[in-house]
N, C-alpha and C. Protein backbone atom coordinates (compact mmCIF):
# COMPACT_ATOMS: atom_id res chain seq x y z
N MET A 1 -2.67 16.22 -15.12
CA MET A 1 -3.43 16.23 -14.53
C MET A 1 -3.49 15.42 -12.87
N CYS A 2 -3.54 14.48 -12.93
CA CYS A 2 -3.28 14.45 -11.12
C CYS A 2 -2.73 14.79 -10.14
N ASP A 3 -0.94 14.82 -10.60
CA ASP A 3 0.04 15.23 -10.28
C ASP A 3 -0.95 16.90 -9.27
N SER A 4 -2.14 17.51 -10.48
CA SER A 4 -2.10 19.08 -9.52
C SER A 4 -2.65 18.99 -8.45
N GLN A 5 -4.03 17.35 -8.62
CA GLN A 5 -5.23 17.87 -8.09
C GLN A 5 -4.28 17.21 -6.59
N LEU A 6 -3.76 16.53 -6.53
CA LEU A 6 -2.94 15.87 -5.46
C LEU A 6 -1.91 16.85 -5.01
N SER A 7 -1.36 17.51 -5.65
CA SER A 7 -1.03 18.16 -5.08
C SER A 7 -1.98 19.71 -4.57
N GLN A 8 -2.78 19.87 -4.65
CA GLN A 8 -3.89 21.16 -3.82
C GLN A 8 -4.84 20.41 -2.96
N ALA A 9 -4.62 19.15 -2.84
CA ALA A 9 -5.36 18.38 -1.95
C ALA A 9 -4.46 18.34 -0.90
N TRP A 10 -2.95 18.51 -1.48
CA TRP A 10 -1.87 18.47 -0.09
C TRP A 10 -2.08 19.31 0.58
N GLN A 11 -2.07 19.99 0.09
CA GLN A 11 -2.20 21.68 0.86
C GLN A 11 -2.82 22.41 1.53
N GLU A 12 -4.46 21.62 1.13
CA GLU A 12 -5.79 21.86 2.23
C GLU A 12 -5.94 20.64 3.79
N LEU A 13 -4.66 19.95 3.34
CA LEU A 13 -4.40 19.55 5.00
C LEU A 13 -4.11 19.34 6.02
N ASN A 14 -4.22 19.28 7.33
CA ASN A 14 -3.33 20.28 8.48
C ASN A 14 -3.52 18.66 8.91
N ASP A 15 -4.77 17.26 9.29
CA ASP A 15 -4.34 16.16 10.30
C ASP A 15 -3.35 15.24 9.83
N PRO A 16 -2.20 14.87 10.57
CA PRO A 16 -0.89 14.63 10.89
C PRO A 16 -0.99 13.44 9.85
N ALA A 17 -2.20 12.44 10.90
CA ALA A 17 -2.35 11.39 10.74
C ALA A 17 -2.90 11.07 8.87
N GLN A 18 -3.48 11.83 7.69
CA GLN A 18 -4.31 12.38 7.00
C GLN A 18 -2.94 12.23 5.69
N LYS A 19 -1.20 13.40 6.79
CA LYS A 19 -0.36 13.93 6.10
C LYS A 19 -0.19 12.73 5.51
N ARG A 20 0.53 12.17 6.76
CA ARG A 20 0.68 10.25 6.55
C ARG A 20 0.41 9.47 5.76
N MET A 21 -0.91 9.57 5.43
CA MET A 21 -1.47 8.04 4.61
C MET A 21 -1.68 9.02 3.22
N PHE A 22 -1.86 10.94 3.19
CA PHE A 22 -1.61 10.80 2.08
C PHE A 22 -0.38 10.98 1.27
N LEU A 23 1.16 11.25 2.03
CA LEU A 23 2.45 10.21 1.68
C LEU A 23 2.77 9.44 1.30
N LEU A 24 1.90 8.64 1.92
CA LEU A 24 2.51 6.68 1.99
C LEU A 24 1.43 6.74 0.53
N GLY A 25 0.35 7.41 0.22
CA GLY A 25 -0.42 6.90 -0.72
C GLY A 25 0.36 7.55 -2.04
N VAL A 26 0.94 8.57 -2.29
CA VAL A 26 1.14 8.84 -3.23
C VAL A 26 2.76 8.61 -3.29
N LEU A 27 3.61 7.81 -2.83
CA LEU A 27 4.89 7.51 -3.05
C LEU A 27 4.85 6.30 -3.61
N VAL A 28 3.71 4.67 -3.30
CA VAL A 28 3.25 4.30 -3.74
C VAL A 28 2.48 3.71 -5.43
N THR A 29 1.82 5.42 -5.31
CA THR A 29 1.08 5.61 -6.34
C THR A 29 2.26 5.46 -7.71
N ALA A 30 3.12 6.43 -7.02
CA ALA A 30 4.82 7.15 -7.68
C ALA A 30 5.48 5.52 -7.98
N THR A 31 5.68 4.99 -7.34
CA THR A 31 6.05 3.50 -7.89
C THR A 31 6.28 2.69 -8.30
N THR A 32 4.10 2.70 -8.81
CA THR A 32 3.49 1.85 -9.18
C THR A 32 3.60 1.79 -10.51
N GLN A 33 3.34 3.58 -10.69
CA GLN A 33 3.47 3.81 -12.42
C GLN A 33 4.81 3.81 -12.48
N ASN A 34 5.70 3.64 -12.35
CA ASN A 34 7.10 4.17 -12.07
C ASN A 34 7.48 5.52 -13.21
N ASP A 35 6.51 6.38 -12.17
CA ASP A 35 7.12 7.55 -12.76
C ASP A 35 8.21 8.33 -11.50
N PRO A 36 9.34 8.79 -11.92
CA PRO A 36 10.53 9.60 -12.03
C PRO A 36 10.14 11.05 -11.33
N VAL A 37 9.58 11.89 -11.94
CA VAL A 37 9.17 12.90 -11.45
C VAL A 37 8.41 12.95 -10.58
N MET A 38 7.11 12.64 -10.75
CA MET A 38 6.73 12.43 -9.49
C MET A 38 6.99 11.68 -7.83
N LEU A 39 8.05 10.93 -8.23
CA LEU A 39 9.14 10.75 -6.60
C LEU A 39 9.56 11.96 -6.39
N ASN A 40 10.50 12.56 -7.44
CA ASN A 40 11.30 13.81 -6.91
C ASN A 40 10.73 15.30 -6.64
N THR A 41 9.82 15.14 -6.78
CA THR A 41 8.46 16.17 -6.57
C THR A 41 7.96 15.52 -5.36
N TRP A 42 7.60 14.63 -4.79
CA TRP A 42 6.99 14.78 -3.03
C TRP A 42 7.83 13.40 -1.94
N ILE A 43 9.50 12.83 -2.53
CA ILE A 43 10.32 12.23 -1.65
C ILE A 43 10.88 13.49 -0.79
N PRO A 44 10.83 14.50 -1.30
CA PRO A 44 11.06 16.04 -0.93
C PRO A 44 9.80 16.95 0.33
N ARG A 45 9.09 16.30 -0.27
CA ARG A 45 7.52 16.98 0.97
C ARG A 45 7.38 16.12 1.85
N CYS A 46 7.92 14.87 2.09
CA CYS A 46 7.93 13.11 3.04
C CYS A 46 8.73 14.12 4.45
N SER A 47 10.27 14.82 3.79
CA SER A 47 10.99 14.45 5.44
C SER A 47 10.70 14.80 6.56
N ASP A 48 8.96 16.24 6.39
CA ASP A 48 8.32 16.60 7.61
C ASP A 48 7.36 15.31 8.55
N ASN A 49 7.16 14.67 7.61
CA ASN A 49 6.03 14.49 7.91
C ASN A 49 6.06 12.54 7.79
N LEU A 50 6.93 11.98 7.22
CA LEU A 50 7.25 10.33 7.50
C LEU A 50 8.87 10.24 7.35
N GLU A 51 9.65 9.52 8.55
CA GLU A 51 10.53 9.15 8.90
C GLU A 51 11.06 8.32 7.70
N LEU A 52 12.43 8.36 7.57
CA LEU A 52 13.32 7.54 5.92
C LEU A 52 12.66 6.24 6.46
N GLU A 53 12.69 5.70 7.57
CA GLU A 53 12.41 4.38 7.64
C GLU A 53 11.07 4.06 6.34
N ALA A 54 10.05 4.92 6.89
CA ALA A 54 8.85 4.62 6.41
C ALA A 54 8.30 4.75 4.80
N ILE A 55 8.98 6.07 4.59
CA ILE A 55 9.24 6.11 3.41
C ILE A 55 9.15 4.48 2.45
N GLU A 56 10.87 4.64 2.97
CA GLU A 56 11.36 3.38 2.15
C GLU A 56 10.67 1.78 2.17
N GLU A 57 9.74 1.97 3.42
CA GLU A 57 9.57 0.81 3.50
C GLU A 57 8.21 0.84 2.92
N ALA A 58 7.46 2.26 2.44
CA ALA A 58 6.73 2.49 1.58
C ALA A 58 6.48 1.70 0.14
N ILE A 59 7.77 2.04 -0.33
CA ILE A 59 8.36 1.88 -1.32
C ILE A 59 9.14 0.47 -1.56
N LEU A 60 9.44 -0.27 -1.16
CA LEU A 60 9.64 -1.35 -0.53
C LEU A 60 8.27 -2.73 -0.94
N GLN A 61 7.77 -2.38 0.34
CA GLN A 61 6.45 -3.31 -0.37
C GLN A 61 5.77 -2.95 -1.47
N THR A 62 6.12 -1.94 -2.15
CA THR A 62 5.68 -1.69 -2.89
C THR A 62 5.61 -3.15 -4.45
N LEU A 63 6.65 -3.40 -3.95
CA LEU A 63 7.18 -4.88 -5.10
C LEU A 63 6.06 -5.75 -5.51
N LEU A 64 5.50 -6.40 -4.26
CA LEU A 64 4.63 -7.08 -4.15
C LEU A 64 3.82 -6.66 -4.80
N PHE A 65 3.28 -5.35 -5.30
CA PHE A 65 2.49 -5.25 -6.50
C PHE A 65 2.27 -4.60 -7.77
N ALA A 66 3.64 -4.12 -8.06
CA ALA A 66 4.53 -3.97 -8.75
C ALA A 66 5.41 -4.76 -9.21
N GLY A 67 6.22 -5.32 -8.68
CA GLY A 67 7.43 -6.10 -9.03
C GLY A 67 8.98 -5.53 -9.08
N PHE A 68 9.87 -6.30 -8.76
CA PHE A 68 11.29 -5.46 -8.49
C PHE A 68 11.98 -4.41 -9.33
N PRO A 69 11.34 -4.88 -10.61
CA PRO A 69 12.22 -3.08 -11.30
C PRO A 69 11.47 -2.27 -11.01
N LYS A 70 10.30 -2.03 -10.89
CA LYS A 70 10.29 -0.54 -10.90
C LYS A 70 9.90 -0.32 -8.91
N THR A 71 10.11 -1.00 -8.28
CA THR A 71 10.89 -0.95 -6.30
C THR A 71 12.37 -0.52 -7.35
N ILE A 72 13.12 -1.29 -7.41
CA ILE A 72 14.61 -1.06 -7.77
C ILE A 72 14.27 0.50 -8.29
N GLU A 73 13.72 0.57 -9.23
CA GLU A 73 13.68 2.90 -9.63
C GLU A 73 13.05 3.84 -8.75
N ALA A 74 12.08 2.80 -8.34
CA ALA A 74 11.76 3.96 -7.01
C ALA A 74 13.02 4.52 -5.61
N LEU A 75 14.07 3.72 -5.90
CA LEU A 75 14.78 3.43 -4.36
C LEU A 75 15.80 4.13 -5.06
N LYS A 76 15.88 4.31 -6.40
CA LYS A 76 17.33 5.03 -6.98
C LYS A 76 17.22 6.56 -6.54
N GLN A 77 16.15 6.82 -6.90
CA GLN A 77 15.34 7.90 -6.47
C GLN A 77 15.19 8.32 -5.51
N LEU A 78 15.21 7.53 -4.54
CA LEU A 78 14.99 8.43 -2.80
C LEU A 78 16.37 8.23 -2.90
N ARG A 79 17.58 8.01 -3.34
CA ARG A 79 19.16 7.24 -3.12
C ARG A 79 19.30 9.20 -3.05
N ILE A 80 18.67 9.66 -4.52
CA ILE A 80 18.93 10.82 -4.72
C ILE A 80 18.81 11.63 -3.82
N HIS A 81 17.63 11.62 -3.11
CA HIS A 81 17.10 12.55 -1.50
C HIS A 81 17.77 12.26 -0.44
N PHE A 82 17.93 10.72 -0.34
CA PHE A 82 18.53 10.53 0.73
C PHE A 82 19.58 8.99 0.66
N PRO A 83 20.85 9.70 0.92
CA PRO A 83 21.55 8.77 0.46
C PRO A 83 21.87 7.80 1.64
N VAL A 84 21.62 7.98 2.69
CA VAL A 84 22.19 7.09 3.83
C VAL A 84 20.66 5.94 3.80
N LYS A 85 20.69 5.12 4.06
CA LYS A 85 19.80 3.72 3.63
C LYS A 85 19.99 3.20 5.55
N HIS A 86 18.61 2.37 5.70
CA HIS A 86 18.51 2.10 7.24
C HIS A 86 19.58 0.74 6.53
N ALA A 87 19.43 -0.17 8.12
CA ALA A 87 20.50 -1.43 7.75
C ALA A 87 19.72 -2.42 7.85
N PRO A 88 19.64 -4.02 6.60
CA PRO A 88 18.91 -4.83 6.18
C PRO A 88 17.55 -5.29 7.50
N LYS A 89 16.56 -5.61 7.45
CA LYS A 89 15.94 -6.33 8.32
C LYS A 89 15.58 -7.64 8.70
N GLN A 90 15.27 -8.33 9.52
CA GLN A 90 15.27 -10.32 8.68
C GLN A 90 13.79 -10.03 9.93
N VAL A 91 12.69 -10.41 9.65
CA VAL A 91 11.75 -11.27 9.97
C VAL A 91 12.19 -12.29 10.23
N ASP A 92 11.87 -12.82 12.06
CA ASP A 92 12.28 -14.14 12.78
C ASP A 92 11.85 -15.27 11.53
N ASP A 93 10.24 -15.21 12.01
CA ASP A 93 10.30 -16.89 11.34
C ASP A 93 8.89 -15.99 10.24
N HIS A 94 9.57 -16.62 9.07
CA HIS A 94 8.16 -15.63 7.69
C HIS A 94 6.98 -16.36 7.54
N ARG A 95 6.62 -17.02 8.36
CA ARG A 95 6.13 -18.15 8.07
C ARG A 95 4.93 -17.92 9.19
N LEU A 96 5.38 -18.33 10.03
CA LEU A 96 4.92 -17.83 12.04
C LEU A 96 4.35 -15.99 11.38
N ALA A 97 4.90 -14.97 11.03
CA ALA A 97 4.67 -14.12 11.52
C ALA A 97 3.80 -13.26 9.97
N GLY A 98 3.50 -14.71 8.98
CA GLY A 98 3.61 -14.36 7.90
C GLY A 98 1.75 -14.53 8.12
N GLU A 99 1.40 -15.66 9.06
CA GLU A 99 -0.15 -16.89 9.13
C GLU A 99 -0.69 -15.91 9.95
N LYS A 100 0.20 -14.83 11.14
CA LYS A 100 -0.50 -14.11 11.82
C LYS A 100 -0.37 -13.57 11.12
N THR A 101 -0.31 -12.08 10.33
CA THR A 101 -0.27 -10.82 9.58
C THR A 101 -1.89 -10.71 8.78
N SER A 102 -1.36 -12.07 7.78
CA SER A 102 -2.60 -12.50 6.74
C SER A 102 -4.00 -12.88 7.51
N LYS A 103 -3.64 -13.87 8.76
CA LYS A 103 -5.11 -13.84 9.43
C LYS A 103 -5.98 -12.45 9.71
N ILE A 104 -5.11 -11.40 10.49
CA ILE A 104 -5.48 -10.18 10.82
C ILE A 104 -6.03 -9.61 9.62
N ILE A 105 -5.67 -9.36 8.20
CA ILE A 105 -6.08 -8.90 7.05
C ILE A 105 -7.42 -9.78 6.91
N TYR A 106 -7.41 -10.30 6.66
CA TYR A 106 -8.25 -11.84 6.46
C TYR A 106 -9.73 -12.15 7.00
N GLY A 107 -9.00 -12.02 8.48
CA GLY A 107 -10.28 -12.64 9.71
C GLY A 107 -10.55 -14.05 9.33
N LYS A 108 -12.01 -13.85 8.98
CA LYS A 108 -12.67 -15.27 8.40
C LYS A 108 -12.69 -15.55 7.84
N TYR A 109 -12.23 -15.09 6.83
CA TYR A 109 -12.11 -15.19 4.90
C TYR A 109 -11.09 -15.79 4.73
N HIS A 110 -9.93 -16.43 5.63
CA HIS A 110 -8.80 -16.80 6.20
C HIS A 110 -8.86 -18.20 4.84
N SER A 111 -9.05 -18.67 5.85
CA SER A 111 -9.10 -20.13 5.45
C SER A 111 -9.74 -20.43 3.60
N LYS A 112 -10.94 -19.80 3.54
CA LYS A 112 -11.59 -19.67 2.10
C LYS A 112 -10.30 -19.19 0.63
N LEU A 113 -9.65 -18.21 1.48
CA LEU A 113 -8.28 -17.28 0.28
C LEU A 113 -7.62 -19.12 0.46
N THR A 114 -6.86 -19.05 1.43
CA THR A 114 -5.91 -19.79 1.09
C THR A 114 -6.38 -21.60 0.58
N LYS A 115 -7.37 -21.87 0.51
CA LYS A 115 -8.10 -22.66 -0.33
C LYS A 115 -7.73 -22.23 -1.85
N VAL A 116 -8.55 -21.47 -1.93
CA VAL A 116 -8.73 -20.71 -3.39
C VAL A 116 -7.02 -20.38 -4.10
N MET A 117 -6.16 -20.20 -3.39
CA MET A 117 -4.81 -19.90 -3.33
C MET A 117 -4.36 -21.01 -3.81
N ASP A 118 -4.48 -22.41 -3.13
CA ASP A 118 -4.23 -23.62 -3.17
C ASP A 118 -4.86 -24.05 -4.61
N GLU A 119 -5.82 -23.77 -5.35
CA GLU A 119 -6.59 -24.70 -5.81
C GLU A 119 -5.61 -24.06 -7.16
N LEU A 120 -4.87 -23.13 -7.01
CA LEU A 120 -3.76 -22.31 -8.03
C LEU A 120 -3.19 -22.75 -7.79
N HIS A 121 -2.18 -22.39 -7.42
CA HIS A 121 -1.02 -23.56 -7.39
C HIS A 121 -0.86 -23.52 -5.58
N PRO A 122 -0.44 -24.82 -5.38
CA PRO A 122 0.02 -24.18 -3.83
C PRO A 122 1.44 -23.43 -2.99
N ASP A 123 2.53 -23.28 -4.53
CA ASP A 123 3.57 -22.77 -4.09
C ASP A 123 3.41 -21.19 -3.70
N LEU A 124 1.80 -20.92 -4.81
CA LEU A 124 1.86 -19.56 -4.58
C LEU A 124 1.26 -18.92 -3.27
N THR A 125 0.62 -20.41 -2.55
CA THR A 125 0.33 -20.14 -0.78
C THR A 125 1.00 -19.62 -0.27
N ARG A 126 2.05 -20.70 -0.93
CA ARG A 126 3.66 -20.40 0.65
C ARG A 126 4.24 -19.25 0.19
N TRP A 127 4.51 -18.60 -1.12
CA TRP A 127 4.97 -17.58 -1.05
C TRP A 127 4.25 -16.15 -0.76
N MET A 128 2.96 -16.07 -0.75
CA MET A 128 1.79 -15.38 -0.38
C MET A 128 2.34 -14.94 1.24
N ILE A 129 1.85 -16.11 1.86
CA ILE A 129 2.30 -16.32 3.24
C ILE A 129 2.98 -15.87 3.72
N GLU A 130 3.95 -16.33 3.21
CA GLU A 130 6.10 -16.52 3.76
C GLU A 130 6.78 -15.37 3.47
N ASP A 131 6.59 -15.14 1.66
CA ASP A 131 6.93 -13.71 1.35
C ASP A 131 5.96 -12.37 1.33
N GLY A 132 5.22 -12.85 1.46
CA GLY A 132 4.31 -11.60 1.26
C GLY A 132 3.90 -11.52 2.57
N TYR A 133 2.98 -11.74 3.14
CA TYR A 133 2.74 -11.00 4.42
C TYR A 133 4.17 -11.54 5.58
N GLY A 134 4.56 -12.33 5.16
CA GLY A 134 5.66 -12.30 6.25
C GLY A 134 6.66 -11.85 6.30
N ARG A 135 8.12 -11.59 5.01
CA ARG A 135 8.53 -11.08 5.00
C ARG A 135 8.78 -9.98 4.35
N VAL A 136 7.65 -9.24 4.28
CA VAL A 136 7.73 -7.98 3.51
C VAL A 136 6.99 -7.04 4.49
N LEU A 137 5.14 -7.55 4.73
CA LEU A 137 4.31 -6.61 5.86
C LEU A 137 4.33 -7.13 7.19
N SER A 138 5.16 -8.04 7.20
CA SER A 138 4.90 -8.12 8.75
C SER A 138 6.24 -6.98 9.12
N ARG A 139 7.29 -6.66 8.37
CA ARG A 139 8.44 -5.95 9.14
C ARG A 139 8.33 -4.55 9.68
N SER A 140 8.85 -4.47 10.63
CA SER A 140 8.68 -3.06 11.31
C SER A 140 8.53 -1.66 10.41
N GLY A 141 8.43 -0.48 11.03
CA GLY A 141 9.44 0.70 9.69
C GLY A 141 6.91 1.10 9.68
N LEU A 142 6.77 0.88 9.00
CA LEU A 142 4.69 1.37 9.30
C LEU A 142 4.25 0.01 9.91
N THR A 143 2.92 1.34 10.59
CA THR A 143 1.91 0.19 11.18
C THR A 143 1.58 -1.05 9.80
N LEU A 144 0.93 -1.11 9.79
CA LEU A 144 -0.42 -2.58 9.69
C LEU A 144 -1.62 -1.20 9.19
N GLN A 145 -2.17 -0.78 9.78
CA GLN A 145 -2.76 0.16 9.08
C GLN A 145 -1.87 1.16 7.61
N GLU A 146 -0.84 1.49 8.10
CA GLU A 146 0.09 1.70 7.25
C GLU A 146 0.32 1.60 5.71
N ARG A 147 0.17 -0.03 6.08
CA ARG A 147 1.05 -1.41 5.35
C ARG A 147 -0.85 -1.27 4.30
N GLU A 148 -2.11 -0.94 5.21
CA GLU A 148 -3.19 -1.45 4.00
C GLU A 148 -3.40 -0.30 3.38
N ILE A 149 -3.27 0.60 4.33
CA ILE A 149 -3.83 2.17 3.37
C ILE A 149 -2.68 2.43 1.77
N SER A 150 -1.56 1.98 2.34
CA SER A 150 -0.06 2.00 0.90
C SER A 150 -1.20 0.38 0.23
N VAL A 151 -1.50 -0.50 0.35
CA VAL A 151 -1.67 -1.50 -0.41
C VAL A 151 -2.97 -1.28 -1.44
N LEU A 152 -3.80 -0.71 -1.20
CA LEU A 152 -4.86 0.29 -1.18
C LEU A 152 -4.42 1.42 -2.14
N ALA A 153 -4.15 1.73 -2.03
CA ALA A 153 -2.79 3.25 -3.36
C ALA A 153 -2.23 2.61 -3.83
N SER A 154 -1.35 0.99 -4.12
CA SER A 154 -0.73 0.05 -5.16
C SER A 154 -2.20 -0.68 -5.80
N LEU A 155 -3.30 -0.62 -5.41
CA LEU A 155 -4.22 -1.38 -6.21
C LEU A 155 -4.88 -0.60 -7.20
N MET A 156 -5.21 0.66 -6.95
CA MET A 156 -5.94 1.54 -7.32
C MET A 156 -5.18 2.06 -8.76
N THR A 157 -4.46 2.40 -8.23
CA THR A 157 -3.06 2.62 -9.43
C THR A 157 -3.48 1.66 -10.59
N SER A 158 -2.98 -0.05 -10.06
CA SER A 158 -2.20 -0.85 -10.60
C SER A 158 -3.85 -0.79 -11.57
N GLY A 159 -5.17 -0.95 -11.30
CA GLY A 159 -6.27 -1.14 -11.60
C GLY A 159 -7.24 -2.95 -11.08
N MET A 160 -5.80 -3.05 -9.75
CA MET A 160 -6.44 -4.25 -9.13
C MET A 160 -7.68 -4.43 -8.71
N ILE A 161 -8.92 -4.28 -9.53
CA ILE A 161 -10.56 -4.11 -8.16
C ILE A 161 -10.03 -5.43 -7.73
N ASN A 162 -10.13 -7.01 -7.80
CA ASN A 162 -10.15 -7.54 -7.34
C ASN A 162 -9.91 -7.58 -5.28
N GLN A 163 -8.38 -7.37 -6.12
CA GLN A 163 -7.45 -7.65 -4.89
C GLN A 163 -7.85 -6.11 -3.76
N PHE A 164 -8.48 -4.94 -4.79
CA PHE A 164 -8.43 -3.94 -3.65
C PHE A 164 -10.24 -4.02 -2.52
N ARG A 165 -11.14 -5.71 -4.01
CA ARG A 165 -11.99 -5.65 -3.23
C ARG A 165 -12.01 -6.20 -1.38
N ALA A 166 -10.59 -7.14 -1.44
CA ALA A 166 -10.24 -7.63 -0.25
C ALA A 166 -9.35 -7.16 0.46
N HIS A 167 -8.45 -6.14 0.49
CA HIS A 167 -7.66 -5.18 0.80
C HIS A 167 -8.48 -4.17 1.90
N ILE A 168 -9.51 -3.33 1.23
CA ILE A 168 -10.94 -2.33 1.84
C ILE A 168 -10.99 -2.85 2.93
N ARG A 169 -11.48 -4.33 3.00
CA ARG A 169 -12.31 -5.25 4.07
C ARG A 169 -10.39 -5.72 5.03
N GLY A 170 -9.44 -6.15 4.26
CA GLY A 170 -8.27 -5.96 5.47
C GLY A 170 -7.87 -4.77 6.14
N ALA A 171 -7.75 -3.82 5.00
CA ALA A 171 -7.88 -2.52 6.31
C ALA A 171 -9.04 -2.13 7.04
N LEU A 172 -9.60 -2.37 6.81
CA LEU A 172 -11.11 -2.13 8.29
C LEU A 172 -10.85 -2.95 9.69
N TYR A 173 -10.14 -4.44 9.05
CA TYR A 173 -9.86 -5.92 9.75
C TYR A 173 -8.93 -4.84 10.77
N ALA A 174 -7.89 -4.69 10.29
CA ALA A 174 -6.11 -3.42 10.27
C ALA A 174 -7.03 -3.00 11.81
N GLY A 175 -7.93 -1.87 11.87
CA GLY A 175 -8.05 -0.54 12.60
C GLY A 175 -7.53 0.23 11.81
N VAL A 176 -8.41 0.23 10.49
CA VAL A 176 -8.34 1.74 9.36
C VAL A 176 -10.14 1.98 9.77
N SER A 177 -10.45 3.53 10.08
CA SER A 177 -11.93 3.73 10.09
C SER A 177 -12.12 3.72 8.90
N VAL A 178 -13.63 3.71 8.61
CA VAL A 178 -14.31 4.04 7.64
C VAL A 178 -14.01 4.90 7.27
N VAL A 179 -14.05 6.61 7.85
CA VAL A 179 -14.00 7.74 7.64
C VAL A 179 -12.59 8.01 6.76
N ASP A 180 -11.59 7.30 7.27
CA ASP A 180 -10.44 7.46 6.56
C ASP A 180 -10.34 6.94 5.36
N ILE A 181 -11.11 5.59 5.40
CA ILE A 181 -10.72 5.35 4.32
C ILE A 181 -11.87 5.73 2.75
N ILE A 182 -12.56 6.37 3.54
CA ILE A 182 -14.12 7.09 2.58
C ILE A 182 -13.11 8.46 1.86
N TRP A 183 -11.78 8.93 3.14
CA TRP A 183 -11.37 10.30 2.77
C TRP A 183 -10.14 9.86 1.74
N PHE A 184 -9.24 8.70 1.97
CA PHE A 184 -7.94 8.11 1.68
C PHE A 184 -8.45 7.75 -0.55
N THR A 185 -9.98 6.93 -0.43
CA THR A 185 -9.93 6.67 -1.50
C THR A 185 -10.85 7.37 -2.37
N ASN A 186 -11.39 8.92 -1.89
CA ASN A 186 -12.08 9.87 -2.41
C ASN A 186 -10.41 10.85 -2.94
N THR A 187 -10.10 11.32 -2.28
CA THR A 187 -8.52 11.97 -2.63
C THR A 187 -7.70 11.28 -3.50
N PHE A 188 -7.68 10.59 -3.43
CA PHE A 188 -7.05 8.94 -4.49
C PHE A 188 -7.49 8.39 -5.66
N GLN A 189 -8.52 8.95 -5.97
CA GLN A 189 -9.59 9.04 -7.60
C GLN A 189 -8.83 8.56 -8.60
N CYS A 190 -7.77 10.29 -8.35
CA CYS A 190 -7.28 10.96 -9.67
C CYS A 190 -6.50 9.21 -10.50
N ILE A 191 -5.96 8.41 -9.39
CA ILE A 191 -5.01 7.77 -9.49
C ILE A 191 -5.51 6.16 -10.35
N ILE A 192 -7.00 6.13 -10.57
CA ILE A 192 -7.71 5.26 -10.66
C ILE A 192 -7.79 5.67 -12.34
N ALA A 193 -7.83 4.35 -13.29
CA ALA A 193 -8.23 4.49 -14.41
C ALA A 193 -9.61 4.75 -15.02
N ALA A 194 -9.49 6.27 -15.64
CA ALA A 194 -11.65 6.75 -15.72
C ALA A 194 -11.88 5.38 -15.68
N ASP A 195 -11.82 4.50 -16.90
CA ASP A 195 -13.12 3.96 -17.03
C ASP A 195 -13.26 2.91 -16.07
N LEU A 196 -12.46 2.76 -14.99
CA LEU A 196 -12.85 1.50 -13.84
C LEU A 196 -13.37 2.40 -12.64
N ARG A 197 -12.82 4.04 -12.24
CA ARG A 197 -13.59 4.69 -11.54
C ARG A 197 -14.82 4.27 -10.34
N ALA A 198 -15.37 4.10 -11.83
CA ALA A 198 -17.36 3.97 -11.05
C ALA A 198 -17.06 2.21 -10.86
N ASP A 199 -16.53 1.36 -10.97
CA ASP A 199 -16.43 0.35 -10.78
C ASP A 199 -15.46 -0.05 -9.38
N PHE A 200 -14.23 1.32 -9.09
CA PHE A 200 -14.09 0.59 -7.76
C PHE A 200 -15.31 1.71 -6.14
N ASN A 201 -15.60 2.59 -6.94
CA ASN A 201 -16.31 3.24 -6.07
C ASN A 201 -17.41 2.32 -5.30
N GLY A 202 -17.85 1.49 -6.79
CA GLY A 202 -19.46 0.36 -6.14
C GLY A 202 -18.38 -0.26 -5.25
N VAL A 203 -17.37 -1.08 -5.52
CA VAL A 203 -16.49 -2.02 -4.46
C VAL A 203 -16.59 -0.99 -2.52
N THR A 204 -15.52 0.22 -2.94
CA THR A 204 -15.48 0.73 -2.09
C THR A 204 -16.84 0.78 -0.87
N GLU A 205 -17.83 0.99 -1.62
CA GLU A 205 -19.35 1.31 -0.95
C GLU A 205 -20.06 0.61 -0.62
N GLU A 206 -19.93 -1.15 -1.21
CA GLU A 206 -20.09 -2.67 -1.42
C GLU A 206 -19.69 -2.62 0.42
N MET A 207 -18.34 -2.51 0.46
CA MET A 207 -17.70 -3.37 1.53
C MET A 207 -17.23 -3.05 2.74
N LEU A 208 -18.21 -1.36 2.50
CA LEU A 208 -18.20 -0.40 3.67
C LEU A 208 -19.62 -0.76 4.33
N LYS A 209 -20.85 -1.53 3.25
CA LYS A 209 -21.64 -1.56 3.59
C LYS A 209 -21.01 -2.73 4.40
N SER A 210 -21.19 -3.61 4.40
CA SER A 210 -20.82 -5.48 4.50
C SER A 210 -20.30 -5.50 6.12
């Protein structure tokens, strides 16, 4: 049902930037759901609108939200269509890059975030900054705006509403327009569990008004 709704939405799109955001959303949704049929339907449609590097990066970063097993399975499907992969990348200083990216995403809330994470476990803070924001989200291949839009799709799919709240703000801080956030979250309503849609919509309205 959701795939048919997404297919219809895709047919109505004309704006190249929205096409990119839409396809990134579909890729991370399919990866988060571990849906090989969806991946094999949509990966071929990406080639005219997304570079292979961008497709790879969208799937790779989803490991932060869906885990290694689902990311591995999604990459297996990608290689059916695109056997040639890009060379390995390395962010020079994971901590420095991670601090910079995290401060963009969280803005004035960055210190509060690290304090909360430290109270849960200090290693979690270090992994979040060095691995999440440094090693993964600071990589080239996608803009930070595109990465944050992709994060929203992962969180909507997995029902992680508290993290979604933070990343709505993060998308704004990264430079995604209110118009595009509203369009994107409305377009991908069908990926949210039915009993959570009202809550997600409420969070979106709350964060865009604040």
